[in-house]
Each structure stands twice: as structure tokens, then as C-alpha cells.
C-alpha atoms as a PDB file:
ATOM      1  CA  MET A   1      91.753 118.551  81.413  1.00  0.00           C
ATOM      2  CA  SER A   2      94.420 118.074  83.972  1.00  0.00           C
ATOM      3  CA  LEU A   3      95.452 114.770  85.487  1.00  0.00           C
ATOM      4  CA  GLN A   4      93.780 115.629  88.806  1.00  0.00           C
ATOM      5  CA  SER A   5      90.381 116.240  87.196  1.00  0.00           C
ATOM      6  CA  LYS A   6      90.623 112.965  85.232  1.00  0.00           C
ATOM      7  CA  ILE A   7      91.286 111.035  88.442  1.00  0.00           C
ATOM      8  CA  ASN A   8      88.384 112.722  90.216  1.00  0.00           C
ATOM      9  CA  PHE A   9      86.065 112.003  87.287  1.00  0.00           C
ATOM     10  CA  ARG A  10      87.118 108.338  87.271  1.00  0.00           C
ATOM     11  CA  GLN A  11      86.583 108.037  91.032  1.00  0.00           C
ATOM     12  CA  ILE A  12      83.135 109.595  90.780  1.00  0.00           C
ATOM     13  CA  LEU A  13      82.223 107.330  87.865  1.00  0.00           C
ATOM     14  CA  VAL A  14      83.384 104.184  89.721  1.00  0.00           C
ATOM     15  CA  VAL A  15      81.431 105.104  92.868  1.00  0.00           C
ATOM     16  CA  PHE A  16      78.324 105.802  90.784  1.00  0.00           C
ATOM     17  CA  LEU A  17      78.562 102.457  88.975  1.00  0.00           C
ATOM     18  CA  VAL A  18      79.058 100.576  92.244  1.00  0.00           C
ATOM     19  CA  GLN A  19      75.979 102.244  93.726  1.00  0.00           C
ATOM     20  CA  VAL A  20      73.860 101.418  90.670  1.00  0.00           C
ATOM     21  CA  THR A  21      75.041  97.803  90.760  1.00  0.00           C
ATOM     22  CA  LEU A  22      74.225  97.457  94.448  1.00  0.00           C
ATOM     23  CA  PHE A  23      70.794  99.000  93.922  1.00  0.00           C
ATOM     24  CA  PHE A  24      69.870  96.575  91.159  1.00  0.00           C
ATOM     25  CA  CYS A  25      71.256  93.577  93.082  1.00  0.00           C
ATOM     26  CA  LEU A  26      69.166  94.461  96.112  1.00  0.00           C
ATOM     27  CA  ALA A  27      66.066  95.207  94.072  1.00  0.00           C
ATOM     28  CA  PHE A  28      66.053  92.127  91.863  1.00  0.00           C
ATOM     29  CA  GLY A  29      68.219  89.390  93.310  1.00  0.00           C
ATOM     30  CA  SER A  30      67.955  89.307  97.092  1.00  0.00           C
ATOM     31  CA  GLY A  31      65.516  86.403  97.342  1.00  0.00           C
ATOM     32  CA  ASN A  32      62.442  88.365  98.361  1.00  0.00           C
ATOM     33  CA  SER A  33      60.448  86.529  95.699  1.00  0.00           C
ATOM     34  CA  TYR A  34      60.126  83.556  98.043  1.00  0.00           C
ATOM     35  CA  GLN A  35      58.155  85.663 100.500  1.00  0.00           C
ATOM     36  CA  VAL A  36      55.680  86.652  97.799  1.00  0.00           C
ATOM     37  CA  SER A  37      54.907  83.064  96.818  1.00  0.00           C
ATOM     38  CA  ALA A  38      54.256  81.895 100.400  1.00  0.00           C
ATOM     39  CA  THR A  39      50.740  80.736 101.164  1.00  0.00           C
ATOM     40  CA  VAL A  40      48.798  81.808 104.208  1.00  0.00           C
ATOM     41  CA  LEU A  41      47.581  79.105 106.564  1.00  0.00           C
ATOM     42  CA  ASN A  42      44.369  79.764 108.452  1.00  0.00           C
ATOM     43  CA  ARG A  43      43.611  77.257 111.155  1.00  0.00           C
ATOM     44  CA  GLU A  44      40.353  77.148 112.899  1.00  0.00           C
ATOM     45  CA  ALA A  45      40.008  76.623 116.629  1.00  0.00           C
ATOM     46  CA  ASN A  46      38.051  73.415 116.080  1.00  0.00           C
ATOM     47  CA  ASP A  47      40.823  71.820 114.047  1.00  0.00           C
ATOM     48  CA  ALA A  48      41.631  68.180 114.852  1.00  0.00           C
ATOM     49  CA  THR A  49      45.308  68.989 115.492  1.00  0.00           C
ATOM     50  CA  THR A  50      44.595  71.192 118.501  1.00  0.00           C
ATOM     51  CA  GLU A  51      44.555  69.607 121.924  1.00  0.00           C
ATOM     52  CA  LYS A  52      41.237  69.212 123.630  1.00  0.00           C
ATOM     53  CA  PRO A  53      41.041  70.443 127.207  1.00  0.00           C
ATOM     54  CA  VAL A  54      41.025  67.784 129.923  1.00  0.00           C
ATOM     55  CA  ASP A  55      38.791  67.667 132.936  1.00  0.00           C
ATOM     56  CA  ASP A  56      40.000  68.725 136.387  1.00  0.00           C
ATOM     57  CA  VAL A  57      40.566  65.197 137.705  1.00  0.00           C
ATOM     58  CA  THR A  58      42.781  64.192 134.783  1.00  0.00           C
ATOM     59  CA  TYR A  59      44.630  67.495 135.013  1.00  0.00           C
ATOM     60  CA  GLU A  60      45.432  66.938 138.703  1.00  0.00           C
ATOM     61  CA  GLU A  61      46.624  63.371 137.990  1.00  0.00           C
ATOM     62  CA  LEU A  62      48.958  64.589 135.251  1.00  0.00           C
ATOM     63  CA  LYS A  63      50.212  67.372 137.498  1.00  0.00           C
ATOM     64  CA  ALA A  64      50.975  64.873 140.295  1.00  0.00           C
ATOM     65  CA  LYS A  65      52.871  62.614 137.858  1.00  0.00           C
ATOM     66  CA  ARG A  66      54.951  65.552 136.616  1.00  0.00           C
ATOM     67  CA  SER A  67      55.824  66.662 140.151  1.00  0.00           C
ATOM     68  CA  GLU A  68      56.758  63.077 141.099  1.00  0.00           C
ATOM     69  CA  ALA A  69      59.015  62.781 138.049  1.00  0.00           C
ATOM     70  CA  GLN A  70      60.602  66.129 138.919  1.00  0.00           C
ATOM     71  CA  ALA A  71      61.218  64.971 142.493  1.00  0.00           C
ATOM     72  CA  GLN A  72      62.938  61.826 141.215  1.00  0.00           C
ATOM     73  CA  ARG A  73      65.146  63.879 138.873  1.00  0.00           C
ATOM     74  CA  SER A  74      66.058  66.239 141.728  1.00  0.00           C
ATOM     75  CA  LYS A  75      66.926  63.305 143.971  1.00  0.00           C
ATOM     76  CA  MET A  76      69.139  61.768 141.261  1.00  0.00           C
ATOM     77  CA  ALA A  77      70.853  65.106 140.699  1.00  0.00           C
ATOM     78  CA  SER A  78      71.585  65.546 144.401  1.00  0.00           C
ATOM     79  CA  GLN A  79      73.023  62.023 144.610  1.00  0.00           C
ATOM     80  CA  LYS A  80      75.143  62.707 141.562  1.00  0.00           C
ATOM     81  CA  GLY A  81      76.369  65.965 143.123  1.00  0.00           C
ATOM     82  CA  ASN A  82      77.614  64.132 146.222  1.00  0.00           C
ATOM     83  CA  SER A  83      79.573  61.638 144.146  1.00  0.00           C
ATOM     84  CA  ASP A  84      81.206  64.505 142.269  1.00  0.00           C
ATOM     85  CA  ASP A  85      82.651  65.835 145.518  1.00  0.00           C
ATOM     86  CA  GLU A  86      84.266  62.468 146.197  1.00  0.00           C
ATOM     87  CA  ASP A  87      85.623  62.267 142.666  1.00  0.00           C
ATOM     88  CA  LEU A  88      87.001  65.794 142.920  1.00  0.00           C
ATOM     89  CA  SER A  89      89.728  64.805 145.355  1.00  0.00           C
ATOM     90  CA  GLU A  90      90.709  61.968 143.043  1.00  0.00           C
ATOM     91  CA  LYS A  91      90.736  64.233 139.984  1.00  0.00           C
ATOM     92  CA  LEU A  92      92.927  66.808 141.700  1.00  0.00           C
ATOM     93  CA  ASN A  93      95.224  64.151 143.206  1.00  0.00           C
ATOM     94  CA  LEU A  94      94.798  65.616 146.673  1.00  0.00           C
ATOM     95  CA  ASP A  95      95.907  62.365 148.315  1.00  0.00           C
ATOM     96  CA  GLU A  96      99.284  62.366 146.549  1.00  0.00           C
ATOM     97  CA  SER A  97     102.328  64.284 147.701  1.00  0.00           C
ATOM     98  CA  VAL A  98     103.538  67.384 145.884  1.00  0.00           C
ATOM     99  CA  PRO A  99     106.171  66.566 143.218  1.00  0.00           C
ATOM    100  CA  ASP A 100     109.756  67.666 143.812  1.00  0.00           C
ATOM    101  CA  SER A 101     109.715  69.895 140.745  1.00  0.00           C
ATOM    102  CA  THR A 102     106.733  71.816 142.149  1.00  0.00           C
ATOM    103  CA  LYS A 103     108.454  72.222 145.521  1.00  0.00           C
ATOM    104  CA  LYS A 104     111.549  73.498 143.715  1.00  0.00           C
ATOM    105  CA  PHE A 105     109.394  75.927 141.711  1.00  0.00           C
ATOM    106  CA  PHE A 106     107.833  77.341 144.893  1.00  0.00           C
ATOM    107  CA  LYS A 107     111.298  77.815 146.416  1.00  0.00           C
ATOM    108  CA  GLN A 108     112.480  79.614 143.265  1.00  0.00           C
ATOM    109  CA  ILE A 109     109.494  81.962 143.379  1.00  0.00           C
ATOM    110  CA  GLN A 110     110.046  82.705 147.058  1.00  0.00           C
ATOM    111  CA  GLY A 111     113.717  83.460 146.340  1.00  0.00           C
ATOM    112  CA  LYS A 112     115.084  80.615 148.483  1.00  0.00           C
ATOM    113  CA  GLU A 113     116.689  78.903 145.470  1.00  0.00           C
ATOM    114  CA  PRO A 114     118.347  80.408 142.367  1.00  0.00           C
ATOM    115  CA  LEU A 115     116.504  80.323 139.037  1.00  0.00           C
ATOM    116  CA  ILE A 116     117.820  77.807 136.539  1.00  0.00           C
ATOM    117  CA  ASP A 117     117.033  78.219 132.853  1.00  0.00           C
ATOM    118  CA  LYS A 118     117.462  74.535 132.007  1.00  0.00           C
ATOM    119  CA  THR A 119     114.365  72.791 130.761  1.00  0.00           C
ATOM    120  CA  GLU A 120     115.581  69.279 131.572  1.00  0.00           C
ATOM    121  CA  PRO A 121     116.101  67.811 135.028  1.00  0.00           C
ATOM    122  CA  ALA A 122     119.625  67.140 136.177  1.00  0.00           C
ATOM    123  CA  ASN A 123     119.097  63.446 136.857  1.00  0.00           C
ATOM    124  CA  LYS A 124     117.476  60.742 134.755  1.00  0.00           C
ATOM    125  CA  GLU A 125     115.261  59.524 137.636  1.00  0.00           C
ATOM    126  CA  ALA A 126     113.321  62.787 137.553  1.00  0.00           C
ATOM    127  CA  TYR A 127     111.832  61.899 134.157  1.00  0.00           C
ATOM    128  CA  THR A 128     108.335  60.494 134.374  1.00  0.00           C
ATOM    129  CA  THR A 129     108.506  58.856 130.964  1.00  0.00           C
ATOM    130  CA  PRO A 130     111.544  57.217 129.368  1.00  0.00           C
ATOM    131  CA  ARG A 131     113.236  59.304 126.737  1.00  0.00           C
ATOM    132  CA  GLN A 132     114.095  57.976 123.302  1.00  0.00           C
ATOM    133  CA  LYS A 133     117.753  58.073 122.383  1.00  0.00           C
END
């Protein structure tokens, strides 16, 4: 036997053993035994756990209460939505002026000012937080 035929025989043997192993693992160890031991529950329509139907008057009262609760939730949501619009301007700092660094950035993009590769400002007053030395 040549070396090539030995390698092919080994490859075929390994693939066959892997397939047999997978077959037996799926057949015997996949946990399907739990499905076999499950019990079947048969409930009757007259069981005590089922809800009994209500009469028309009670049904209409419950329906009115649900619609009233929904109207209150809608009203609260609309009031909350209006307050979010007021908070939005505060969150975005729309009342504050644009920082100098942002103005400089816009000028650099428009080509009115040369690009500078420095990551630190030229003066110490431009820092928003004090630096540790």
C-alpha cells in the first residue's frame, strides 16, 4: 500500500467513526426521554379554575372602568410628553453659546482656518478641568 492510500483509508475511517458517534449520541443521549415521561393533563370545561362568564351589566361596568383607566394613562402620557419637550432644550444646552473650540472646528472644516494636529489647546484657560501636574 502506498502512503496516499493509507491516508485515504485513515480519513475514511475517521469520518465513519465520527458519524457513528454522532448517531449514537443523538439516539440515546439527547434528552428525549423527558418527553416520554410527561403526563397528559385533561381539564374539563366545568373545572373550578376556569372563569365563569359574567352578566351583561357587570361586563359593561368592567369595560367602563378599563376605558377610564386607559384615558387616565393616556392623559398622563401626554402630560409627560410635553415636559419632555421642555427638558429637551435643557439636555441639548440650546440656551448656552457655542464653545470656542466648536467654532474653530467649523472654521477648519470650511477651510477658513488651517488644520492643527495638536490635541491640547494653546492656552491654559481653554481647559474645562484642571490638569494634574
